[in-house]
Amino acid sequence: MKYKLKDQATQTVDLYEFLKERGVQEPELYMTPNSTCEEDNSYFDNMESCLSLIKLHATEKIALIVDCDQDGYTSAAILYLYLTTNNICSDITPLFHEGKQHGLEYMTDIIKKDNYSLALIPDAGSNDWLEVAELRDNGIDVIILDHHDIYDKYTYSICDNVINNQA
């Protein structure tokens, strides 16, 4: 990609124009995705069970774990916007790590204490089988949406709701 540095901007940049300049053909849809953005569910293992679980918990308290890096923030934001903008879920609380932790690390006590019924973990969680087991033992369902390497397949034996292209 060729680019040229420009002097510092002194005027406000329109976000939608900026996105168009960067190749986003439909910036409104990019910023507010809807059902037309959905892939065919059959492309992903466990997608149907995850969708059913989200519908089951749609009116209950849902924890959204926000991983501490760029793709963690981005994936959590996209998931939050999609579920709330399309009125799929009504009570989602983003939970942020205080440091460089990832996934469910240091989050299980908060999830249990605040009586969440479902924990959504985008961009992490594929190897958090101890934490998943702890939440499941306390009646809390877990959905993992990840793309990281899987070092221990044990998570899959205790959690049917894992979507990971590395699986």
Foldseek 3Di string as FASTA:
>chain_A
DDDDDDPDDPDDDDPQVVVVVVPDPDVVCVVQPEPVPDDPQVVWQQSVVQLVVLQVCQEFAEEEEQQDDDVSPVVSVVVVRHCVVHSSHDHYDYDYDPDNDADCVVPLVVCLVVPGQEYEHEADDLAVQVSCVVCVVSNHAYAYHHADAHPDNVSVVRHSRYTYPND
